[in-house]
Amino acid sequence: MNNLAQQLQRQREEQQVVQKNVQHRIKGKVTKGEKVIVAAMMVAILIASVLVVTNYAKVYAQDREITSLQYSVQEQTEYNSSLQLEVSELSAPERIMHYAKEELGMSLDDNKVKVIPGQEEQNR
């Protein structure tokens, strides 16, 4: 009987030890693996955040550059238009005839005039 009582007592002690171990694990300790996973997730979120901010900064810089280039193109177009207008004014036949007669002392003799086909006639 003594032996049976000892066996029962050992079983009770083992059950108490198992219950203590189970209760000990339930208390909420964070394991090293969980800490590593959380740290890896935080690092991934940080890297993703940095990449997003960097991407937006690049987009903003390129947008400013595009706007600047558009402004430069607009200015150059206006300048080219003014030069084209000046060319058309300076190449007017009346102006050339006036300059030739007044400044250079030339006269127009219709008998000596030859008509050479120019670009305007070639484009037709």
PDB file of N, CA and C in Angstrom:
ATOM      1  N   MET A   1       0.790  -1.175   0.000  1.00  0.00           N
ATOM      2  CA  MET A   1       0.000   0.000   0.000  1.00  0.00           C
ATOM      3  C   MET A   1       0.847   1.260   0.000  1.00  0.00           C
ATOM      4  N   ASN A   2       1.871   1.114   0.676  1.00  0.00           N
ATOM      5  CA  ASN A   2       2.800   2.228   0.728  1.00  0.00           C
ATOM      6  C   ASN A   2       3.266   2.587  -0.675  1.00  0.00           C
ATOM      7  N   ASN A   3       3.537   1.590  -1.449  1.00  0.00           N
ATOM      8  CA  ASN A   3       4.006   1.786  -2.804  1.00  0.00           C
ATOM      9  C   ASN A   3       2.907   2.437  -3.657  1.00  0.00           C
ATOM     10  N   LEU A   4       1.677   2.058  -3.501  1.00  0.00           N
ATOM     11  CA  LEU A   4       0.568   2.624  -4.241  1.00  0.00           C
ATOM     12  C   LEU A   4       0.366   4.083  -3.858  1.00  0.00           C
ATOM     13  N   ALA A   5       0.491   4.406  -2.619  1.00  0.00           N
ATOM     14  CA  ALA A   5       0.332   5.786  -2.153  1.00  0.00           C
ATOM     15  C   ALA A   5       1.439   6.656  -2.722  1.00  0.00           C
ATOM     16  N   GLN A   6       2.645   6.116  -2.785  1.00  0.00           N
ATOM     17  CA  GLN A   6       3.749   6.888  -3.351  1.00  0.00           C
ATOM     18  C   GLN A   6       3.532   7.145  -4.845  1.00  0.00           C
ATOM     19  N   GLN A   7       3.019   6.161  -5.545  1.00  0.00           N
ATOM     20  CA  GLN A   7       2.757   6.340  -6.970  1.00  0.00           C
ATOM     21  C   GLN A   7       1.689   7.413  -7.202  1.00  0.00           C
ATOM     22  N   LEU A   8       0.659   7.392  -6.398  1.00  0.00           N
ATOM     23  CA  LEU A   8      -0.389   8.400  -6.523  1.00  0.00           C
ATOM     24  C   LEU A   8       0.154   9.792  -6.213  1.00  0.00           C
ATOM     25  N   GLN A   9       0.995   9.856  -5.200  1.00  0.00           N
ATOM     26  CA  GLN A   9       1.573  11.145  -4.840  1.00  0.00           C
ATOM     27  C   GLN A   9       2.471  11.659  -5.973  1.00  0.00           C
ATOM     28  N   ARG A  10       3.246  10.794  -6.589  1.00  0.00           N
ATOM     29  CA  ARG A  10       4.122  11.195  -7.698  1.00  0.00           C
ATOM     30  C   ARG A  10       3.294  11.685  -8.895  1.00  0.00           C
ATOM     31  N   GLN A  11       2.203  10.980  -9.184  1.00  0.00           N
ATOM     32  CA  GLN A  11       1.344  11.395 -10.284  1.00  0.00           C
ATOM     33  C   GLN A  11       0.760  12.781 -10.016  1.00  0.00           C
ATOM     34  N   ARG A  12       0.343  13.024  -8.774  1.00  0.00           N
ATOM     35  CA  ARG A  12      -0.189  14.348  -8.426  1.00  0.00           C
ATOM     36  C   ARG A  12       0.873  15.422  -8.569  1.00  0.00           C
ATOM     37  N   GLU A  13       2.075  15.137  -8.129  1.00  0.00           N
ATOM     38  CA  GLU A  13       3.174  16.095  -8.242  1.00  0.00           C
ATOM     39  C   GLU A  13       3.486  16.377  -9.724  1.00  0.00           C
ATOM     40  N   GLU A  14       3.498  15.318 -10.551  1.00  0.00           N
ATOM     41  CA  GLU A  14       3.767  15.497 -11.978  1.00  0.00           C
ATOM     42  C   GLU A  14       2.674  16.348 -12.630  1.00  0.00           C
ATOM     43  N   GLN A  15       1.439  16.095 -12.227  1.00  0.00           N
ATOM     44  CA  GLN A  15       0.346  16.892 -12.778  1.00  0.00           C
ATOM     45  C   GLN A  15       0.476  18.349 -12.359  1.00  0.00           C
ATOM     46  N   GLN A  16       0.888  18.605 -11.137  1.00  0.00           N
ATOM     47  CA  GLN A  16       1.072  19.966 -10.658  1.00  0.00           C
ATOM     48  C   GLN A  16       2.222  20.645 -11.415  1.00  0.00           C
ATOM     49  N   VAL A  17       3.301  19.896 -11.674  1.00  0.00           N
ATOM     50  CA  VAL A  17       4.443  20.439 -12.410  1.00  0.00           C
ATOM     51  C   VAL A  17       4.010  20.784 -13.834  1.00  0.00           C
ATOM     52  N   VAL A  18       3.259  19.864 -14.459  1.00  0.00           N
ATOM     53  CA  VAL A  18       2.780  20.103 -15.824  1.00  0.00           C
ATOM     54  C   VAL A  18       1.856  21.311 -15.824  1.00  0.00           C
ATOM     55  N   GLN A  19       0.972  21.400 -14.844  1.00  0.00           N
ATOM     56  CA  GLN A  19       0.054  22.538 -14.770  1.00  0.00           C
ATOM     57  C   GLN A  19       0.820  23.836 -14.551  1.00  0.00           C
ATOM     58  N   LYS A  20       1.867  23.792 -13.734  1.00  0.00           N
ATOM     59  CA  LYS A  20       2.670  24.986 -13.506  1.00  0.00           C
ATOM     60  C   LYS A  20       3.373  25.411 -14.783  1.00  0.00           C
ATOM     61  N   ASN A  21       3.914  24.429 -15.524  1.00  0.00           N
ATOM     62  CA  ASN A  21       4.587  24.747 -16.780  1.00  0.00           C
ATOM     63  C   ASN A  21       3.610  25.348 -17.786  1.00  0.00           C
ATOM     64  N   VAL A  22       2.430  24.794 -17.871  1.00  0.00           N
ATOM     65  CA  VAL A  22       1.428  25.300 -18.799  1.00  0.00           C
ATOM     66  C   VAL A  22       1.030  26.704 -18.387  1.00  0.00           C
ATOM     67  N   GLN A  23       0.816  26.917 -17.097  1.00  0.00           N
ATOM     68  CA  GLN A  23       0.453  28.231 -16.617  1.00  0.00           C
ATOM     69  C   GLN A  23       1.596  29.212 -16.849  1.00  0.00           C
ATOM     70  N   HIS A  24       2.791  28.768 -16.736  1.00  0.00           N
ATOM     71  CA  HIS A  24       3.953  29.627 -16.923  1.00  0.00           C
ATOM     72  C   HIS A  24       4.032  30.107 -18.372  1.00  0.00           C
ATOM     73  N   ARG A  25       3.721  29.246 -19.316  1.00  0.00           N
ATOM     74  CA  ARG A  25       3.757  29.613 -20.731  1.00  0.00           C
ATOM     75  C   ARG A  25       2.604  30.540 -21.087  1.00  0.00           C
ATOM     76  N   ILE A  26       1.525  30.428 -20.438  1.00  0.00           N
ATOM     77  CA  ILE A  26       0.353  31.234 -20.742  1.00  0.00           C
ATOM     78  C   ILE A  26       0.542  32.679 -20.274  1.00  0.00           C
ATOM     79  N   LYS A  27       1.429  32.931 -19.387  1.00  0.00           N
ATOM     80  CA  LYS A  27       1.595  34.267 -18.824  1.00  0.00           C
ATOM     81  C   LYS A  27       1.908  35.319 -19.879  1.00  0.00           C
ATOM     82  N   GLY A  28       2.421  34.960 -21.059  1.00  0.00           N
ATOM     83  CA  GLY A  28       2.596  35.923 -22.132  1.00  0.00           C
ATOM     84  C   GLY A  28       4.017  36.329 -22.407  1.00  0.00           C
ATOM     85  N   LYS A  29       4.947  35.494 -22.205  1.00  0.00           N
ATOM     86  CA  LYS A  29       6.316  35.836 -22.559  1.00  0.00           C
ATOM     87  C   LYS A  29       6.450  35.875 -24.070  1.00  0.00           C
ATOM     88  N   VAL A  30       7.248  36.802 -24.553  1.00  0.00           N
ATOM     89  CA  VAL A  30       7.504  36.925 -25.983  1.00  0.00           C
ATOM     90  C   VAL A  30       8.780  36.158 -26.291  1.00  0.00           C
ATOM     91  N   THR A  31       8.688  35.284 -27.273  1.00  0.00           N
ATOM     92  CA  THR A  31       9.853  34.462 -27.594  1.00  0.00           C
ATOM     93  C   THR A  31      10.824  35.235 -28.489  1.00  0.00           C
ATOM     94  N   LYS A  32      12.027  34.708 -28.615  1.00  0.00           N
ATOM     95  CA  LYS A  32      13.027  35.357 -29.462  1.00  0.00           C
ATOM     96  C   LYS A  32      12.588  35.373 -30.919  1.00  0.00           C
ATOM     97  N   GLY A  33      11.970  34.313 -31.355  1.00  0.00           N
ATOM     98  CA  GLY A  33      11.485  34.245 -32.736  1.00  0.00           C
ATOM     99  C   GLY A  33      10.451  35.321 -33.025  1.00  0.00           C
ATOM    100  N   GLU A  34       9.547  35.530 -32.081  1.00  0.00           N
ATOM    101  CA  GLU A  34       8.543  36.579 -32.246  1.00  0.00           C
ATOM    102  C   GLU A  34       9.194  37.952 -32.299  1.00  0.00           C
ATOM    103  N   LYS A  35      10.198  38.159 -31.463  1.00  0.00           N
ATOM    104  CA  LYS A  35      10.921  39.436 -31.467  1.00  0.00           C
ATOM    105  C   LYS A  35      11.610  39.661 -32.810  1.00  0.00           C
ATOM    106  N   VAL A  36      12.207  38.610 -33.360  1.00  0.00           N
ATOM    107  CA  VAL A  36      12.885  38.717 -34.659  1.00  0.00           C
ATOM    108  C   VAL A  36      11.874  39.036 -35.752  1.00  0.00           C
ATOM    109  N   ILE A  37      10.733  38.373 -35.716  1.00  0.00           N
ATOM    110  CA  ILE A  37       9.701  38.624 -36.725  1.00  0.00           C
ATOM    111  C   ILE A  37       9.206  40.064 -36.647  1.00  0.00           C
ATOM    112  N   VAL A  38       8.928  40.549 -35.443  1.00  0.00           N
ATOM    113  CA  VAL A  38       8.460  41.924 -35.270  1.00  0.00           C
ATOM    114  C   VAL A  38       9.535  42.913 -35.727  1.00  0.00           C
ATOM    115  N   ALA A  39      10.785  42.658 -35.375  1.00  0.00           N
ATOM    116  CA  ALA A  39      11.873  43.548 -35.791  1.00  0.00           C
ATOM    117  C   ALA A  39      12.012  43.550 -37.314  1.00  0.00           C
ATOM    118  N   ALA A  40      11.891  42.385 -37.945  1.00  0.00           N
ATOM    119  CA  ALA A  40      11.992  42.303 -39.409  1.00  0.00           C
ATOM    120  C   ALA A  40      10.844  43.063 -40.068  1.00  0.00           C
ATOM    121  N   MET A  41       9.655  42.953 -39.505  1.00  0.00           N
ATOM    122  CA  MET A  41       8.509  43.678 -40.056  1.00  0.00           C
ATOM    123  C   MET A  41       8.707  45.182 -39.922  1.00  0.00           C
ATOM    124  N   MET A  42       9.235  45.628 -38.799  1.00  0.00           N
ATOM    125  CA  MET A  42       9.473  47.055 -38.597  1.00  0.00           C
ATOM    126  C   MET A  42      10.524  47.579 -39.583  1.00  0.00           C
ATOM    127  N   VAL A  43      11.566  46.801 -39.788  1.00  0.00           N
ATOM    128  CA  VAL A  43      12.602  47.192 -40.742  1.00  0.00           C
ATOM    129  C   VAL A  43      12.019  47.256 -42.150  1.00  0.00           C
ATOM    130  N   ALA A  44      11.181  46.275 -42.503  1.00  0.00           N
ATOM    131  CA  ALA A  44      10.561  46.269 -43.832  1.00  0.00           C
ATOM    132  C   ALA A  44       9.654  47.485 -44.010  1.00  0.00           C
ATOM    133  N   ILE A  45       8.890  47.825 -42.988  1.00  0.00           N
ATOM    134  CA  ILE A  45       8.017  49.004 -43.061  1.00  0.00           C
ATOM    135  C   ILE A  45       8.854  50.269 -43.192  1.00  0.00           C
ATOM    136  N   LEU A  46       9.942  50.358 -42.455  1.00  0.00           N
ATOM    137  CA  LEU A  46      10.815  51.520 -42.533  1.00  0.00           C
ATOM    138  C   LEU A  46      11.422  51.659 -43.931  1.00  0.00           C
ATOM    139  N   ILE A  47      11.897  50.561 -44.477  1.00  0.00           N
ATOM    140  CA  ILE A  47      12.489  50.598 -45.823  1.00  0.00           C
ATOM    141  C   ILE A  47      11.439  50.988 -46.854  1.00  0.00           C
ATOM    142  N   ALA A  48      10.239  50.427 -46.739  1.00  0.00           N
ATOM    143  CA  ALA A  48       9.162  50.766 -47.672  1.00  0.00           C
ATOM    144  C   ALA A  48       8.815  52.251 -47.570  1.00  0.00           C
ATOM    145  N   SER A  49       8.779  52.780 -46.363  1.00  0.00           N
ATOM    146  CA  SER A  49       8.480  54.197 -46.163  1.00  0.00           C
ATOM    147  C   SER A  49       9.542  55.076 -46.816  1.00  0.00           C
ATOM    148  N   VAL A  50      10.791  54.728 -46.620  1.00  0.00           N
ATOM    149  CA  VAL A  50      11.887  55.504 -47.210  1.00  0.00           C
ATOM    150  C   VAL A  50      11.804  55.452 -48.737  1.00  0.00           C
ATOM    151  N   LEU A  51      11.506  54.288 -49.281  1.00  0.00           N
ATOM    152  CA  LEU A  51      11.399  54.162 -50.736  1.00  0.00           C
ATOM    153  C   LEU A  51      10.250  54.997 -51.286  1.00  0.00           C
ATOM    154  N   VAL A  52       9.129  55.011 -50.599  1.00  0.00           N
ATOM    155  CA  VAL A  52       7.979  55.793 -51.057  1.00  0.00           C
ATOM    156  C   VAL A  52       8.304  57.287 -51.024  1.00  0.00           C
ATOM    157  N   VAL A  53       8.900  57.750 -49.938  1.00  0.00           N
ATOM    158  CA  VAL A  53       9.242  59.172 -49.830  1.00  0.00           C
ATOM    159  C   VAL A  53      10.276  59.550 -50.882  1.00  0.00           C
ATOM    160  N   THR A  54      11.266  58.708 -51.101  1.00  0.00           N
ATOM    161  CA  THR A  54      12.275  58.975 -52.117  1.00  0.00           C
ATOM    162  C   THR A  54      11.643  59.039 -53.503  1.00  0.00           C
ATOM    163  N   ASN A  55      10.729  58.129 -53.779  1.00  0.00           N
ATOM    164  CA  ASN A  55      10.050  58.113 -55.071  1.00  0.00           C
ATOM    165  C   ASN A  55       9.249  59.398 -55.279  1.00  0.00           C
ATOM    166  N   TYR A  56       8.516  59.841 -54.267  1.00  0.00           N
ATOM    167  CA  TYR A  56       7.754  61.078 -54.383  1.00  0.00           C
ATOM    168  C   TYR A  56       8.678  62.277 -54.581  1.00  0.00           C
ATOM    169  N   ALA A  57       9.820  62.286 -53.927  1.00  0.00           N
ATOM    170  CA  ALA A  57      10.765  63.385 -54.098  1.00  0.00           C
ATOM    171  C   ALA A  57      11.293  63.417 -55.534  1.00  0.00           C
ATOM    172  N   LYS A  58      11.593  62.262 -56.096  1.00  0.00           N
ATOM    173  CA  LYS A  58      12.064  62.214 -57.482  1.00  0.00           C
ATOM    174  C   LYS A  58      10.979  62.683 -58.447  1.00  0.00           C
ATOM    175  N   VAL A  59       9.752  62.255 -58.209  1.00  0.00           N
ATOM    176  CA  VAL A  59       8.643  62.671 -59.070  1.00  0.00           C
ATOM    177  C   VAL A  59       8.467  64.183 -58.997  1.00  0.00           C
ATOM    178  N   TYR A  60       8.546  64.745 -57.807  1.00  0.00           N
ATOM    179  CA  TYR A  60       8.394  66.187 -57.639  1.00  0.00           C
ATOM    180  C   TYR A  60       9.510  66.933 -58.365  1.00  0.00           C
ATOM    181  N   ALA A  61      10.747  66.463 -58.237  1.00  0.00           N
ATOM    182  CA  ALA A  61      11.875  67.114 -58.906  1.00  0.00           C
ATOM    183  C   ALA A  61      11.715  67.048 -60.426  1.00  0.00           C
ATOM    184  N   GLN A  62      11.276  65.925 -60.937  1.00  0.00           N
ATOM    185  CA  GLN A  62      11.098  65.794 -62.384  1.00  0.00           C
ATOM    186  C   GLN A  62       9.941  66.672 -62.859  1.00  0.00           C
ATOM    187  N   ASP A  63       8.903  66.791 -62.057  1.00  0.00           N
ATOM    188  CA  ASP A  63       7.783  67.658 -62.414  1.00  0.00           C
ATOM    189  C   ASP A  63       8.234  69.108 -62.495  1.00  0.00           C
ATOM    190  N   ARG A  64       9.058  69.533 -61.557  1.00  0.00           N
ATOM    191  CA  ARG A  64       9.592  70.903 -61.604  1.00  0.00           C
ATOM    192  C   ARG A  64      10.451  71.104 -62.837  1.00  0.00           C
ATOM    193  N   GLU A  65      11.256  70.112 -63.173  1.00  0.00           N
ATOM    194  CA  GLU A  65      12.115  70.217 -64.356  1.00  0.00           C
ATOM    195  C   GLU A  65      11.268  70.288 -65.629  1.00  0.00           C
ATOM    196  N   ILE A  66      10.207  69.499 -65.698  1.00  0.00           N
ATOM    197  CA  ILE A  66       9.324  69.527 -66.867  1.00  0.00           C
ATOM    198  C   ILE A  66       8.670  70.894 -66.999  1.00  0.00           C
ATOM    199  N   THR A  67       8.207  71.436 -65.885  1.00  0.00           N
ATOM    200  CA  THR A  67       7.589  72.758 -65.912  1.00  0.00           C
ATOM    201  C   THR A  67       8.580  73.811 -66.379  1.00  0.00           C
ATOM    202  N   SER A  68       9.795  73.735 -65.887  1.00  0.00           N
ATOM    203  CA  SER A  68      10.836  74.675 -66.293  1.00  0.00           C
ATOM    204  C   SER A  68      11.127  74.553 -67.784  1.00  0.00           C
ATOM    205  N   LEU A  69      11.219  73.328 -68.279  1.00  0.00           N
ATOM    206  CA  LEU A  69      11.486  73.128 -69.702  1.00  0.00           C
ATOM    207  C   LEU A  69      10.320  73.606 -70.558  1.00  0.00           C
ATOM    208  N   GLN A  70       9.112  73.407 -70.105  1.00  0.00           N
ATOM    209  CA  GLN A  70       7.954  73.897 -70.856  1.00  0.00           C
ATOM    210  C   GLN A  70       7.984  75.421 -70.937  1.00  0.00           C
ATOM    211  N   TYR A  71       8.356  76.064 -69.848  1.00  0.00           N
ATOM    212  CA  TYR A  71       8.454  77.519 -69.848  1.00  0.00           C
ATOM    213  C   TYR A  71       9.544  77.977 -70.826  1.00  0.00           C
ATOM    214  N   SER A  72      10.675  77.272 -70.830  1.00  0.00           N
ATOM    215  CA  SER A  72      11.756  77.619 -71.759  1.00  0.00           C
ATOM    216  C   SER A  72      11.324  77.421 -73.203  1.00  0.00           C
ATOM    217  N   VAL A  73      10.604  76.350 -73.472  1.00  0.00           N
ATOM    218  CA  VAL A  73      10.112  76.099 -74.836  1.00  0.00           C
ATOM    219  C   VAL A  73       9.141  77.193 -75.249  1.00  0.00           C
ATOM    220  N   GLN A  74       8.288  77.603 -74.343  1.00  0.00           N
ATOM    221  CA  GLN A  74       7.329  78.666 -74.650  1.00  0.00           C
ATOM    222  C   GLN A  74       8.061  79.975 -74.960  1.00  0.00           C
ATOM    223  N   GLU A  75       9.049  80.311 -74.159  1.00  0.00           N
ATOM    224  CA  GLU A  75       9.825  81.528 -74.413  1.00  0.00           C
ATOM    225  C   GLU A  75      10.531  81.458 -75.766  1.00  0.00           C
ATOM    226  N   GLN A  76      11.131  80.311 -76.065  1.00  0.00           N
ATOM    227  CA  GLN A  76      11.843  80.152 -77.332  1.00  0.00           C
ATOM    228  C   GLN A  76      10.873  80.228 -78.512  1.00  0.00           C
ATOM    229  N   THR A  77       9.686  79.679 -78.348  1.00  0.00           N
ATOM    230  CA  THR A  77       8.678  79.748 -79.414  1.00  0.00           C
ATOM    231  C   THR A  77       8.266  81.189 -79.683  1.00  0.00           C
ATOM    232  N   GLU A  78       8.071  81.951 -78.618  1.00  0.00           N
ATOM    233  CA  GLU A  78       7.721  83.365 -78.788  1.00  0.00           C
ATOM    234  C   GLU A  78       8.854  84.125 -79.465  1.00  0.00           C
ATOM    235  N   TYR A  79      10.085  83.840 -79.076  1.00  0.00           N
ATOM    236  CA  TYR A  79      11.238  84.496 -79.679  1.00  0.00           C
ATOM    237  C   TYR A  79      11.342  84.139 -81.165  1.00  0.00           C
ATOM    238  N   ASN A  80      11.144  82.852 -81.480  1.00  0.00           N
ATOM    239  CA  ASN A  80      11.182  82.430 -82.884  1.00  0.00           C
ATOM    240  C   ASN A  80      10.077  83.095 -83.697  1.00  0.00           C
ATOM    241  N   SER A  81       8.910  83.250 -83.113  1.00  0.00           N
ATOM    242  CA  SER A  81       7.801  83.916 -83.807  1.00  0.00           C
ATOM    243  C   SER A  81       8.150  85.366 -84.100  1.00  0.00           C
ATOM    244  N   SER A  82       8.736  86.024 -83.125  1.00  0.00           N
ATOM    245  CA  SER A  82       9.111  87.427 -83.359  1.00  0.00           C
ATOM    246  C   SER A  82      10.197  87.530 -84.429  1.00  0.00           C
ATOM    247  N   LEU A  83      11.134  86.594 -84.435  1.00  0.00           N
ATOM    248  CA  LEU A  83      12.168  86.607 -85.480  1.00  0.00           C
ATOM    249  C   LEU A  83      11.560  86.306 -86.856  1.00  0.00           C
ATOM    250  N   GLN A  84      10.601  85.410 -86.905  1.00  0.00           N
ATOM    251  CA  GLN A  84       9.943  85.096 -88.180  1.00  0.00           C
ATOM    252  C   GLN A  84       9.196  86.315 -88.701  1.00  0.00           C
ATOM    253  N   LEU A  85       8.539  87.036 -87.812  1.00  0.00           N
ATOM    254  CA  LEU A  85       7.845  88.260 -88.202  1.00  0.00           C
ATOM    255  C   LEU A  85       8.841  89.286 -88.721  1.00  0.00           C
ATOM    256  N   GLU A  86       9.967  89.412 -88.053  1.00  0.00           N
ATOM    257  CA  GLU A  86      10.997  90.358 -88.486  1.00  0.00           C
ATOM    258  C   GLU A  86      11.556  89.969 -89.858  1.00  0.00           C
ATOM    259  N   VAL A  87      11.762  88.687 -90.085  1.00  0.00           N
ATOM    260  CA  VAL A  87      12.247  88.211 -91.385  1.00  0.00           C
ATOM    261  C   VAL A  87      11.246  88.548 -92.477  1.00  0.00           C
ATOM    262  N   SER A  88       9.966  88.310 -92.209  1.00  0.00           N
ATOM    263  CA  SER A  88       8.954  88.609 -93.222  1.00  0.00           C
ATOM    264  C   SER A  88       8.871  90.107 -93.496  1.00  0.00           C
ATOM    265  N   GLU A  89       9.049  90.931 -92.476  1.00  0.00           N
ATOM    266  CA  GLU A  89       9.045  92.385 -92.689  1.00  0.00           C
ATOM    267  C   GLU A  89      10.269  92.829 -93.482  1.00  0.00           C
ATOM    268  N   LEU A  90      11.433  92.278 -93.153  1.00  0.00           N
ATOM    269  CA  LEU A  90      12.664  92.692 -93.825  1.00  0.00           C
ATOM    270  C   LEU A  90      12.758  92.153 -95.255  1.00  0.00           C
ATOM    271  N   SER A  91      12.080  91.071 -95.549  1.00  0.00           N
ATOM    272  CA  SER A  91      12.170  90.513 -96.894  1.00  0.00           C
ATOM    273  C   SER A  91      11.021  90.949 -97.795  1.00  0.00           C
ATOM    274  N   ALA A  92      10.258  91.931 -97.387  1.00  0.00           N
ATOM    275  CA  ALA A  92       9.170  92.451 -98.219  1.00  0.00           C
ATOM    276  C   ALA A  92       9.765  93.088 -99.478  1.00  0.00           C
ATOM    277  N   PRO A  93       9.225  92.792-100.641  1.00  0.00           N
ATOM    278  CA  PRO A  93       9.781  93.330-101.893  1.00  0.00           C
ATOM    279  C   PRO A  93       9.787  94.860-101.941  1.00  0.00           C
ATOM    280  N   GLU A  94       8.760  95.514-101.386  1.00  0.00           N
ATOM    281  CA  GLU A  94       8.715  96.983-101.389  1.00  0.00           C
ATOM    282  C   GLU A  94       9.882  97.566-100.605  1.00  0.00           C
ATOM    283  N   ARG A  95      10.191  96.941 -99.481  1.00  0.00           N
ATOM    284  CA  ARG A  95      11.298  97.427 -98.657  1.00  0.00           C
ATOM    285  C   ARG A  95      12.620  97.264 -99.397  1.00  0.00           C
ATOM    286  N   ILE A  96      12.793  96.121-100.053  1.00  0.00           N
ATOM    287  CA  ILE A  96      14.037  95.866-100.781  1.00  0.00           C
ATOM    288  C   ILE A  96      14.178  96.862-101.936  1.00  0.00           C
ATOM    289  N   MET A  97      13.068  97.110-102.671  1.00  0.00           N
ATOM    290  CA  MET A  97      13.114  98.076-103.780  1.00  0.00           C
ATOM    291  C   MET A  97      13.451  99.475-103.262  1.00  0.00           C
ATOM    292  N   HIS A  98      12.848  99.847-102.152  1.00  0.00           N
ATOM    293  CA  HIS A  98      13.108 101.169-101.588  1.00  0.00           C
ATOM    294  C   HIS A  98      14.577 101.283-101.167  1.00  0.00           C
ATOM    295  N   TYR A  99      15.091 100.263-100.496  1.00  0.00           N
ATOM    296  CA  TYR A  99      16.477 100.269-100.051  1.00  0.00           C
ATOM    297  C   TYR A  99      17.432 100.331-101.250  1.00  0.00           C
ATOM    298  N   ALA A 100      17.120  99.577-102.295  1.00  0.00           N
ATOM    299  CA  ALA A 100      17.986  99.561-103.480  1.00  0.00           C
ATOM    300  C   ALA A 100      18.001 100.928-104.166  1.00  0.00           C
ATOM    301  N   LYS A 101      16.843 101.561-104.287  1.00  0.00           N
ATOM    302  CA  LYS A 101      16.768 102.862-104.954  1.00  0.00           C
ATOM    303  C   LYS A 101      17.374 103.970-104.108  1.00  0.00           C
ATOM    304  N   GLU A 102      16.972 104.051-102.854  1.00  0.00           N
ATOM    305  CA  GLU A 102      17.375 105.167-101.995  1.00  0.00           C
ATOM    306  C   GLU A 102      18.811 105.031-101.491  1.00  0.00           C
ATOM    307  N   GLU A 103      19.142 103.872-100.943  1.00  0.00           N
ATOM    308  CA  GLU A 103      20.444 103.699-100.296  1.00  0.00           C
ATOM    309  C   GLU A 103      21.555 103.361-101.296  1.00  0.00           C
ATOM    310  N   LEU A 104      21.247 102.518-102.252  1.00  0.00           N
ATOM    311  CA  LEU A 104      22.288 102.028-103.158  1.00  0.00           C
ATOM    312  C   LEU A 104      22.265 102.705-104.523  1.00  0.00           C
ATOM    313  N   GLY A 105      21.255 103.496-104.808  1.00  0.00           N
ATOM    314  CA  GLY A 105      21.184 104.214-106.084  1.00  0.00           C
ATOM    315  C   GLY A 105      20.940 103.310-107.269  1.00  0.00           C
ATOM    316  N   MET A 106      20.272 102.218-107.101  1.00  0.00           N
ATOM    317  CA  MET A 106      19.982 101.294-108.191  1.00  0.00           C
ATOM    318  C   MET A 106      18.643 101.646-108.821  1.00  0.00           C
ATOM    319  N   SER A 107      18.459 101.193-110.066  1.00  0.00           N
ATOM    320  CA  SER A 107      17.177 101.401-110.730  1.00  0.00           C
ATOM    321  C   SER A 107      16.717 100.073-111.319  1.00  0.00           C
ATOM    322  N   LEU A 108      15.423  99.934-111.509  1.00  0.00           N
ATOM    323  CA  LEU A 108      14.847  98.697-112.026  1.00  0.00           C
ATOM    324  C   LEU A 108      14.595  98.851-113.513  1.00  0.00           C
ATOM    325  N   ASP A 109      15.228  97.988-114.317  1.00  0.00           N
ATOM    326  CA  ASP A 109      15.011  97.948-115.754  1.00  0.00           C
ATOM    327  C   ASP A 109      14.320  96.629-116.063  1.00  0.00           C
ATOM    328  N   ASP A 110      13.042  96.700-116.436  1.00  0.00           N
ATOM    329  CA  ASP A 110      12.249  95.492-116.649  1.00  0.00           C
ATOM    330  C   ASP A 110      12.795  94.625-117.778  1.00  0.00           C
ATOM    331  N   ASN A 111      13.514  95.187-118.716  1.00  0.00           N
ATOM    332  CA  ASN A 111      14.053  94.413-119.828  1.00  0.00           C
ATOM    333  C   ASN A 111      15.205  93.512-119.387  1.00  0.00           C
ATOM    334  N   LYS A 112      15.867  93.870-118.322  1.00  0.00           N
ATOM    335  CA  LYS A 112      17.025  93.098-117.874  1.00  0.00           C
ATOM    336  C   LYS A 112      16.685  92.143-116.710  1.00  0.00           C
ATOM    337  N   VAL A 113      15.431  92.042-116.355  1.00  0.00           N
ATOM    338  CA  VAL A 113      15.027  91.211-115.223  1.00  0.00           C
ATOM    339  C   VAL A 113      14.794  89.783-115.706  1.00  0.00           C
ATOM    340  N   LYS A 114      15.425  88.820-115.026  1.00  0.00           N
ATOM    341  CA  LYS A 114      15.204  87.406-115.292  1.00  0.00           C
ATOM    342  C   LYS A 114      14.485  86.804-114.081  1.00  0.00           C
ATOM    343  N   VAL A 115      13.476  85.996-114.343  1.00  0.00           N
ATOM    344  CA  VAL A 115      12.744  85.337-113.257  1.00  0.00           C
ATOM    345  C   VAL A 115      13.321  83.942-113.089  1.00  0.00           C
ATOM    346  N   ILE A 116      13.824  83.672-111.903  1.00  0.00           N
ATOM    347  CA  ILE A 116      14.390  82.364-111.582  1.00  0.00           C
ATOM    348  C   ILE A 116      13.415  81.673-110.645  1.00  0.00           C
ATOM    349  N   PRO A 117      13.042  80.448-110.971  1.00  0.00           N
ATOM    350  CA  PRO A 117      12.088  79.769-110.077  1.00  0.00           C
ATOM    351  C   PRO A 117      12.687  79.604-108.681  1.00  0.00           C
ATOM    352  N   GLY A 118      11.942  80.028-107.711  1.00  0.00           N
ATOM    353  CA  GLY A 118      12.416  79.951-106.309  1.00  0.00           C
ATOM    354  C   GLY A 118      11.759  78.801-105.584  1.00  0.00           C
ATOM    355  N   GLN A 119      11.900  78.806-104.319  1.00  0.00           N
ATOM    356  CA  GLN A 119      11.343  77.738-103.488  1.00  0.00           C
ATOM    357  C   GLN A 119       9.822  77.780-103.486  1.00  0.00           C
ATOM    358  N   GLU A 120       9.230  78.944-103.584  1.00  0.00           N
ATOM    359  CA  GLU A 120       7.791  79.037-103.555  1.00  0.00           C
ATOM    360  C   GLU A 120       7.178  78.320-104.750  1.00  0.00           C
ATOM    361  N   GLU A 121       7.792  78.449-105.921  1.00  0.00           N
ATOM    362  CA  GLU A 121       7.272  77.787-107.099  1.00  0.00           C
ATOM    363  C   GLU A 121       7.580  76.301-107.067  1.00  0.00           C
ATOM    364  N   GLN A 122       8.681  75.912-106.462  1.00  0.00           N
ATOM    365  CA  GLN A 122       9.051  74.498-106.387  1.00  0.00           C
ATOM    366  C   GLN A 122       8.112  73.742-105.433  1.00  0.00           C
ATOM    367  N   ASN A 123       7.614  74.418-104.409  1.00  0.00           N
ATOM    368  CA  ASN A 123       6.732  73.771-103.442  1.00  0.00           C
ATOM    369  C   ASN A 123       5.345  73.535-104.003  1.00  0.00           C
ATOM    370  N   ARG A 124       4.958  74.254-105.065  1.00  0.00           N
ATOM    371  CA  ARG A 124       3.602  74.140-105.625  1.00  0.00           C
ATOM    372  C   ARG A 124       3.392  72.871-106.316  1.00  0.00           C
TER     373      ARG A 124
END
